[in-house]
Amino acid sequence: MKSNQARAFPSNNFYAMKDQELSIKTKIQILKPASVVFQAIVEPAEMSNYFISKGSMRMETGAEPFWHFPEFEEGFTVRVKEVKPETYVAFYWDTEVGETLVEINLQPIGENASVVTVTEKPSSEQTADIKWLKGNTEGWANFLACMKAWLEYGVHLRKGAFDFMSAQ
């Protein structure tokens, strides 16, 4: 190998990772305009088709909606940090690692498509955060897939998906 070629496992990557912020970032393109995707994120009646089972109110800056999920007995309050119509939604919620910030960015692609990016960041970086990171990364990927299925095809991917959890 020539000296200027990258190695398969550069030794400095481990140390660089220590300086990077621990966060989740998932994204997907949805074949719907940003206005439609935005409404699906902020309206609890729409969210109940792909994410929550029930929500107490629309997501607006300063609001504190209460969300119920089909796979959990208890519900969760979220604190909406900021909403920018058709482009951005940010909220805080409590997780097993403490309060985290979730940011959802919408980028229009032409007139009939949008890229949705979800980022979630913990307030600290502890060992427990790694387990949280894994679980919530899976959760946000599921959120995007379910929203895409609902908005593009009218399919409820979550319907019945977690029934086995209440049987245990």
C-alpha atoms as a PDB file:
ATOM      1  CA  MET A   1       0.000   0.000   0.000  1.00  0.00           C
ATOM      2  CA  LYS A   2       1.323   3.438  -0.857  1.00  0.00           C
ATOM      3  CA  SER A   3       1.880   5.727   2.097  1.00  0.00           C
ATOM      4  CA  ASN A   4      -0.700   8.279   0.905  1.00  0.00           C
ATOM      5  CA  GLN A   5      -3.533   5.732   0.662  1.00  0.00           C
ATOM      6  CA  ALA A   6      -6.094   5.517   3.434  1.00  0.00           C
ATOM      7  CA  ARG A   7      -5.932   2.472   5.691  1.00  0.00           C
ATOM      8  CA  ALA A   8      -8.983   0.287   6.262  1.00  0.00           C
ATOM      9  CA  PHE A   9      -9.057   1.287   9.947  1.00  0.00           C
ATOM     10  CA  PRO A  10      -7.325   4.645  10.394  1.00  0.00           C
ATOM     11  CA  SER A  11      -6.104   4.824  13.962  1.00  0.00           C
ATOM     12  CA  ASN A  12      -7.156   8.455  14.415  1.00  0.00           C
ATOM     13  CA  ASN A  13     -10.880   7.765  13.737  1.00  0.00           C
ATOM     14  CA  PHE A  14     -11.400   6.425  17.261  1.00  0.00           C
ATOM     15  CA  TYR A  15     -10.176   9.660  18.779  1.00  0.00           C
ATOM     16  CA  ALA A  16     -12.126  11.785  16.324  1.00  0.00           C
ATOM     17  CA  MET A  17     -15.318   9.956  17.358  1.00  0.00           C
ATOM     18  CA  LYS A  18     -14.698  10.984  20.965  1.00  0.00           C
ATOM     19  CA  ASP A  19     -14.884  14.635  19.914  1.00  0.00           C
ATOM     20  CA  GLN A  20     -18.063  14.257  17.843  1.00  0.00           C
ATOM     21  CA  GLU A  21     -21.510  14.788  19.267  1.00  0.00           C
ATOM     22  CA  LEU A  22     -23.484  11.628  19.954  1.00  0.00           C
ATOM     23  CA  SER A  23     -26.688  11.936  17.937  1.00  0.00           C
ATOM     24  CA  ILE A  24     -29.157  10.124  15.719  1.00  0.00           C
ATOM     25  CA  LYS A  25     -29.699  11.246  12.143  1.00  0.00           C
ATOM     26  CA  THR A  26     -32.055   9.526   9.711  1.00  0.00           C
ATOM     27  CA  LYS A  27     -33.528  10.752   6.447  1.00  0.00           C
ATOM     28  CA  ILE A  28     -35.819   9.629   3.668  1.00  0.00           C
ATOM     29  CA  GLN A  29     -37.427  11.106   0.557  1.00  0.00           C
ATOM     30  CA  ILE A  30     -41.221  11.142   0.531  1.00  0.00           C
ATOM     31  CA  LEU A  31     -43.080  11.654  -2.731  1.00  0.00           C
ATOM     32  CA  LYS A  32     -45.358  14.358  -1.356  1.00  0.00           C
ATOM     33  CA  PRO A  33     -44.990  18.162  -1.205  1.00  0.00           C
ATOM     34  CA  ALA A  34     -43.448  19.659   1.948  1.00  0.00           C
ATOM     35  CA  SER A  35     -46.831  21.177   2.867  1.00  0.00           C
ATOM     36  CA  VAL A  36     -48.429  17.704   3.060  1.00  0.00           C
ATOM     37  CA  VAL A  37     -45.499  16.187   4.965  1.00  0.00           C
ATOM     38  CA  PHE A  38     -45.459  19.114   7.396  1.00  0.00           C
ATOM     39  CA  GLN A  39     -49.165  18.668   8.212  1.00  0.00           C
ATOM     40  CA  ALA A  40     -48.547  14.956   8.775  1.00  0.00           C
ATOM     41  CA  ILE A  41     -45.928  15.861  11.386  1.00  0.00           C
ATOM     42  CA  VAL A  42     -47.748  18.615  13.302  1.00  0.00           C
ATOM     43  CA  GLU A  43     -51.353  17.300  13.256  1.00  0.00           C
ATOM     44  CA  PRO A  44     -52.044  14.548  15.814  1.00  0.00           C
ATOM     45  CA  ALA A  45     -54.842  13.060  13.686  1.00  0.00           C
ATOM     46  CA  GLU A  46     -52.344  12.606  10.844  1.00  0.00           C
ATOM     47  CA  MET A  47     -49.550  11.353  13.146  1.00  0.00           C
ATOM     48  CA  SER A  48     -51.889   8.674  14.476  1.00  0.00           C
ATOM     49  CA  ASN A  49     -51.765   7.069  11.033  1.00  0.00           C
ATOM     50  CA  TYR A  50     -48.054   6.289  11.285  1.00  0.00           C
ATOM     51  CA  PHE A  51     -46.462   7.189  14.664  1.00  0.00           C
ATOM     52  CA  ILE A  52     -48.584   7.854  17.731  1.00  0.00           C
ATOM     53  CA  SER A  53     -51.940   6.322  18.612  1.00  0.00           C
ATOM     54  CA  LYS A  54     -53.284   9.610  19.989  1.00  0.00           C
ATOM     55  CA  GLY A  55     -52.103  13.186  20.567  1.00  0.00           C
ATOM     56  CA  SER A  56     -53.626  15.962  22.630  1.00  0.00           C
ATOM     57  CA  MET A  57     -52.903  18.920  20.333  1.00  0.00           C
ATOM     58  CA  ARG A  58     -51.214  20.259  17.218  1.00  0.00           C
ATOM     59  CA  MET A  59     -47.471  20.893  17.416  1.00  0.00           C
ATOM     60  CA  GLU A  60     -46.914  24.639  17.600  1.00  0.00           C
ATOM     61  CA  THR A  61     -44.076  26.668  19.118  1.00  0.00           C
ATOM     62  CA  GLY A  62     -44.447  26.595  22.921  1.00  0.00           C
ATOM     63  CA  ALA A  63     -47.121  23.860  22.960  1.00  0.00           C
ATOM     64  CA  GLU A  64     -46.858  20.771  25.186  1.00  0.00           C
ATOM     65  CA  PRO A  65     -48.793  17.968  23.487  1.00  0.00           C
ATOM     66  CA  PHE A  66     -49.281  14.642  25.229  1.00  0.00           C
ATOM     67  CA  TRP A  67     -48.672  11.604  23.031  1.00  0.00           C
ATOM     68  CA  HIS A  68     -49.832   8.015  23.433  1.00  0.00           C
ATOM     69  CA  PHE A  69     -48.073   5.199  21.564  1.00  0.00           C
ATOM     70  CA  PRO A  70     -49.610   1.815  20.774  1.00  0.00           C
ATOM     71  CA  GLU A  71     -46.609  -0.082  22.154  1.00  0.00           C
ATOM     72  CA  PHE A  72     -46.428   1.700  25.555  1.00  0.00           C
ATOM     73  CA  GLU A  73     -48.976   1.881  28.357  1.00  0.00           C
ATOM     74  CA  GLU A  74     -47.870   5.319  29.516  1.00  0.00           C
ATOM     75  CA  GLY A  75     -47.921   8.466  27.442  1.00  0.00           C
ATOM     76  CA  PHE A  76     -45.333  11.195  26.971  1.00  0.00           C
ATOM     77  CA  THR A  77     -45.424  14.983  27.061  1.00  0.00           C
ATOM     78  CA  VAL A  78     -43.292  16.767  24.496  1.00  0.00           C
ATOM     79  CA  ARG A  79     -42.249  20.415  24.679  1.00  0.00           C
ATOM     80  CA  VAL A  80     -42.303  22.068  21.273  1.00  0.00           C
ATOM     81  CA  LYS A  81     -39.261  24.317  20.956  1.00  0.00           C
ATOM     82  CA  GLU A  82     -39.929  25.759  17.520  1.00  0.00           C
ATOM     83  CA  VAL A  83     -42.080  25.263  14.433  1.00  0.00           C
ATOM     84  CA  LYS A  84     -41.359  26.895  11.078  1.00  0.00           C
ATOM     85  CA  PRO A  85     -44.174  26.188   8.612  1.00  0.00           C
ATOM     86  CA  GLU A  86     -43.340  23.550   6.026  1.00  0.00           C
ATOM     87  CA  THR A  87     -39.623  23.440   6.926  1.00  0.00           C
ATOM     88  CA  TYR A  88     -38.820  22.672  10.588  1.00  0.00           C
ATOM     89  CA  VAL A  89     -40.197  21.167  13.803  1.00  0.00           C
ATOM     90  CA  ALA A  90     -38.162  20.878  17.018  1.00  0.00           C
ATOM     91  CA  PHE A  91     -39.260  19.420  20.346  1.00  0.00           C
ATOM     92  CA  TYR A  92     -37.884  18.083  23.612  1.00  0.00           C
ATOM     93  CA  TRP A  93     -38.958  14.856  25.240  1.00  0.00           C
ATOM     94  CA  ASP A  94     -37.773  12.723  28.119  1.00  0.00           C
ATOM     95  CA  THR A  95     -36.054   9.424  27.367  1.00  0.00           C
ATOM     96  CA  GLU A  96     -34.203   6.876  29.469  1.00  0.00           C
ATOM     97  CA  VAL A  97     -31.063   9.053  29.129  1.00  0.00           C
ATOM     98  CA  GLY A  98     -32.799  12.306  30.081  1.00  0.00           C
ATOM     99  CA  GLU A  99     -34.226  15.067  27.956  1.00  0.00           C
ATOM    100  CA  THR A 100     -33.377  14.983  24.254  1.00  0.00           C
ATOM    101  CA  LEU A 101     -33.921  17.424  21.418  1.00  0.00           C
ATOM    102  CA  VAL A 102     -35.593  16.119  18.258  1.00  0.00           C
ATOM    103  CA  GLU A 103     -35.305  18.217  15.107  1.00  0.00           C
ATOM    104  CA  ILE A 104     -37.253  17.423  11.932  1.00  0.00           C
ATOM    105  CA  ASN A 105     -36.163  19.272   8.801  1.00  0.00           C
ATOM    106  CA  LEU A 106     -38.098  19.266   5.530  1.00  0.00           C
ATOM    107  CA  GLN A 107     -36.360  20.013   2.253  1.00  0.00           C
ATOM    108  CA  PRO A 108     -38.606  20.336  -0.798  1.00  0.00           C
ATOM    109  CA  ILE A 109     -37.409  18.464  -3.882  1.00  0.00           C
ATOM    110  CA  GLY A 110     -39.278  20.012  -6.765  1.00  0.00           C
ATOM    111  CA  GLU A 111     -43.021  20.443  -6.296  1.00  0.00           C
ATOM    112  CA  ASN A 112     -44.001  16.890  -5.339  1.00  0.00           C
ATOM    113  CA  ALA A 113     -41.284  15.459  -3.105  1.00  0.00           C
ATOM    114  CA  SER A 114     -39.572  16.231   0.194  1.00  0.00           C
ATOM    115  CA  VAL A 115     -36.535  14.959   2.036  1.00  0.00           C
ATOM    116  CA  VAL A 116     -37.310  14.548   5.737  1.00  0.00           C
ATOM    117  CA  THR A 117     -34.343  14.515   8.129  1.00  0.00           C
ATOM    118  CA  VAL A 118     -34.786  13.594  11.806  1.00  0.00           C
ATOM    119  CA  THR A 119     -31.981  14.368  14.259  1.00  0.00           C
ATOM    120  CA  GLU A 120     -32.092  13.563  17.985  1.00  0.00           C
ATOM    121  CA  LYS A 121     -29.450  14.652  20.488  1.00  0.00           C
ATOM    122  CA  PRO A 122     -29.061  13.703  24.160  1.00  0.00           C
ATOM    123  CA  SER A 123     -28.028  16.253  26.761  1.00  0.00           C
ATOM    124  CA  SER A 124     -25.042  14.135  27.869  1.00  0.00           C
ATOM    125  CA  GLU A 125     -22.884  11.313  26.571  1.00  0.00           C
ATOM    126  CA  GLN A 126     -22.916   8.438  29.033  1.00  0.00           C
ATOM    127  CA  THR A 127     -22.608   4.691  28.455  1.00  0.00           C
ATOM    128  CA  ALA A 128     -26.398   4.392  28.734  1.00  0.00           C
ATOM    129  CA  ASP A 129     -26.634   6.790  25.798  1.00  0.00           C
ATOM    130  CA  ILE A 130     -25.224   4.127  23.456  1.00  0.00           C
ATOM    131  CA  LYS A 131     -28.172   1.800  24.203  1.00  0.00           C
ATOM    132  CA  TRP A 132     -30.546   4.743  23.787  1.00  0.00           C
ATOM    133  CA  LEU A 133     -28.836   5.721  20.518  1.00  0.00           C
ATOM    134  CA  LYS A 134     -29.343   2.247  19.071  1.00  0.00           C
ATOM    135  CA  GLY A 135     -32.999   1.996  20.109  1.00  0.00           C
ATOM    136  CA  ASN A 136     -34.010   5.455  18.982  1.00  0.00           C
ATOM    137  CA  THR A 137     -32.122   5.178  15.690  1.00  0.00           C
ATOM    138  CA  GLU A 138     -34.302   2.170  14.918  1.00  0.00           C
ATOM    139  CA  GLY A 139     -37.343   4.119  16.102  1.00  0.00           C
ATOM    140  CA  TRP A 140     -36.739   7.143  13.881  1.00  0.00           C
ATOM    141  CA  ALA A 141     -36.040   4.955  10.857  1.00  0.00           C
ATOM    142  CA  ASN A 142     -39.396   3.277  11.573  1.00  0.00           C
ATOM    143  CA  PHE A 143     -41.046   6.713  11.918  1.00  0.00           C
ATOM    144  CA  LEU A 144     -39.834   7.735   8.461  1.00  0.00           C
ATOM    145  CA  ALA A 145     -40.769   4.429   6.808  1.00  0.00           C
ATOM    146  CA  CYS A 146     -44.244   4.487   8.348  1.00  0.00           C
ATOM    147  CA  MET A 147     -44.806   8.121   7.360  1.00  0.00           C
ATOM    148  CA  LYS A 148     -43.715   7.361   3.783  1.00  0.00           C
ATOM    149  CA  ALA A 149     -46.045   4.338   3.580  1.00  0.00           C
ATOM    150  CA  TRP A 150     -48.956   6.362   4.944  1.00  0.00           C
ATOM    151  CA  LEU A 151     -48.463   9.500   2.844  1.00  0.00           C
ATOM    152  CA  GLU A 152     -47.606   7.800  -0.435  1.00  0.00           C
ATOM    153  CA  TYR A 153     -49.764   4.653  -0.293  1.00  0.00           C
ATOM    154  CA  GLY A 154     -52.264   5.081   2.566  1.00  0.00           C
ATOM    155  CA  VAL A 155     -50.806   2.029   4.337  1.00  0.00           C
ATOM    156  CA  HIS A 156     -50.818   1.822   8.161  1.00  0.00           C
ATOM    157  CA  LEU A 157     -47.548  -0.077   8.810  1.00  0.00           C
ATOM    158  CA  ARG A 158     -47.876   0.237  12.604  1.00  0.00           C
ATOM    159  CA  LYS A 159     -51.380  -1.248  12.768  1.00  0.00           C
ATOM    160  CA  GLY A 160     -51.004  -4.476  14.727  1.00  0.00           C
ATOM    161  CA  ALA A 161     -47.199  -4.283  14.655  1.00  0.00           C
ATOM    162  CA  PHE A 162     -46.877  -4.067  18.437  1.00  0.00           C
ATOM    163  CA  ASP A 163     -49.847  -6.177  19.559  1.00  0.00           C
ATOM    164  CA  PHE A 164     -47.443  -8.916  20.683  1.00  0.00           C
ATOM    165  CA  MET A 165     -46.011  -6.542  23.316  1.00  0.00           C
ATOM    166  CA  SER A 166     -49.290  -6.306  25.253  1.00  0.00           C
ATOM    167  CA  ALA A 167     -49.639 -10.113  25.230  1.00  0.00           C
ATOM    168  CA  GLN A 168     -46.390 -10.580  27.167  1.00  0.00           C
END
